[in-house]
Amino acid sequence: MEEARAVLARLERIEALEREGAGVPSLLPELRELVREATEWAERERDPRARAAAAALAEAGGSA
């Protein structure tokens, strides 16, 4: 349950930054942490679809 709360809190921070007009340098670290937290959540839930989605996000983030 903590993983879910962390992901939701991170999404709220990202949304607040976007509303404030934050640029990429401010958003990128938050997005990276979102991927990390979502991956932890997927691993804890042991849901194959969630794991695949987290892996795809991590892979996409590595190519950015």
C-alpha atoms as a PDB file:
ATOM      1  CA  MET A   1       0.000   0.000   0.000  1.00  0.00           C
ATOM      2  CA  GLU A   2       2.931   2.350   0.652  1.00  0.00           C
ATOM      3  CA  GLU A   3       4.061   1.936  -2.941  1.00  0.00           C
ATOM      4  CA  ALA A   4       0.665   3.060  -4.212  1.00  0.00           C
ATOM      5  CA  ARG A   5       0.727   6.109  -1.951  1.00  0.00           C
ATOM      6  CA  ALA A   6       4.216   7.008  -3.138  1.00  0.00           C
ATOM      7  CA  VAL A   7       3.156   6.808  -6.795  1.00  0.00           C
ATOM      8  CA  LEU A   8       0.058   8.923  -6.190  1.00  0.00           C
ATOM      9  CA  ALA A   9       2.022  11.524  -4.216  1.00  0.00           C
ATOM     10  CA  ARG A  10       4.637  11.673  -6.977  1.00  0.00           C
ATOM     11  CA  LEU A  11       1.914  12.181  -9.604  1.00  0.00           C
ATOM     12  CA  GLU A  12       0.487  15.042  -7.549  1.00  0.00           C
ATOM     13  CA  ARG A  13       3.930  16.691  -7.344  1.00  0.00           C
ATOM     14  CA  ILE A  14       4.390  16.328 -11.095  1.00  0.00           C
ATOM     15  CA  GLU A  15       0.973  17.833 -11.768  1.00  0.00           C
ATOM     16  CA  ALA A  16       1.746  20.758  -9.440  1.00  0.00           C
ATOM     17  CA  LEU A  17       5.048  21.382 -11.218  1.00  0.00           C
ATOM     18  CA  GLU A  18       3.274  21.330 -14.586  1.00  0.00           C
ATOM     19  CA  ARG A  19       0.660  23.811 -13.356  1.00  0.00           C
ATOM     20  CA  GLU A  20       3.482  26.097 -12.214  1.00  0.00           C
ATOM     21  CA  GLY A  21       5.028  25.904 -15.673  1.00  0.00           C
ATOM     22  CA  ALA A  22       8.101  23.941 -14.594  1.00  0.00           C
ATOM     23  CA  GLY A  23      10.524  23.031 -17.321  1.00  0.00           C
ATOM     24  CA  VAL A  24      12.116  19.741 -18.218  1.00  0.00           C
ATOM     25  CA  PRO A  25      15.026  20.146 -15.751  1.00  0.00           C
ATOM     26  CA  SER A  26      12.514  20.197 -12.874  1.00  0.00           C
ATOM     27  CA  LEU A  27      10.233  17.490 -14.214  1.00  0.00           C
ATOM     28  CA  LEU A  28      12.787  14.909 -15.301  1.00  0.00           C
ATOM     29  CA  PRO A  29      13.963  13.868 -11.815  1.00  0.00           C
ATOM     30  CA  GLU A  30      10.347  13.558 -10.689  1.00  0.00           C
ATOM     31  CA  LEU A  31       9.499  11.408 -13.699  1.00  0.00           C
ATOM     32  CA  ARG A  32      12.505   9.172 -13.064  1.00  0.00           C
ATOM     33  CA  GLU A  33      11.415   8.675  -9.467  1.00  0.00           C
ATOM     34  CA  LEU A  34       7.886   7.939 -10.664  1.00  0.00           C
ATOM     35  CA  VAL A  35       9.222   5.109 -12.832  1.00  0.00           C
ATOM     36  CA  ARG A  36      11.267   3.762  -9.917  1.00  0.00           C
ATOM     37  CA  GLU A  37       8.310   3.891  -7.528  1.00  0.00           C
ATOM     38  CA  ALA A  38       5.936   2.358 -10.071  1.00  0.00           C
ATOM     39  CA  THR A  39       8.426  -0.461 -10.647  1.00  0.00           C
ATOM     40  CA  GLU A  40       8.595  -1.168  -6.910  1.00  0.00           C
ATOM     41  CA  TRP A  41       4.813  -1.224  -6.765  1.00  0.00           C
ATOM     42  CA  ALA A  42       4.579  -3.607  -9.721  1.00  0.00           C
ATOM     43  CA  GLU A  43       7.124  -5.946  -8.142  1.00  0.00           C
ATOM     44  CA  ARG A  44       5.261  -5.966  -4.841  1.00  0.00           C
ATOM     45  CA  GLU A  45       1.937  -6.694  -6.536  1.00  0.00           C
ATOM     46  CA  ARG A  46       3.504  -9.447  -8.675  1.00  0.00           C
ATOM     47  CA  ASP A  47       1.121  -8.593 -11.500  1.00  0.00           C
ATOM     48  CA  PRO A  48       2.661  -9.631 -14.846  1.00  0.00           C
ATOM     49  CA  ARG A  49       0.944  -6.780 -16.711  1.00  0.00           C
ATOM     50  CA  ALA A  50       2.119  -4.217 -14.164  1.00  0.00           C
ATOM     51  CA  ARG A  51       5.650  -5.611 -14.320  1.00  0.00           C
ATOM     52  CA  ALA A  52       5.625  -5.424 -18.122  1.00  0.00           C
ATOM     53  CA  ALA A  53       4.357  -1.846 -18.051  1.00  0.00           C
ATOM     54  CA  ALA A  54       6.999  -0.810 -15.505  1.00  0.00           C
ATOM     55  CA  ALA A  55       9.723  -2.488 -17.576  1.00  0.00           C
ATOM     56  CA  ALA A  56       8.526  -0.658 -20.697  1.00  0.00           C
ATOM     57  CA  LEU A  57       8.587   2.654 -18.839  1.00  0.00           C
ATOM     58  CA  ALA A  58      12.070   2.014 -17.512  1.00  0.00           C
ATOM     59  CA  GLU A  59      13.282   1.057 -20.986  1.00  0.00           C
ATOM     60  CA  ALA A  60      11.726   4.147 -22.543  1.00  0.00           C
ATOM     61  CA  GLY A  61      13.299   6.315 -19.849  1.00  0.00           C
ATOM     62  CA  GLY A  62      16.708   4.839 -20.582  1.00  0.00           C
ATOM     63  CA  SER A  63      16.494   5.826 -24.215  1.00  0.00           C
ATOM     64  CA  ALA A  64      15.598   9.460 -23.478  1.00  0.00           C
END
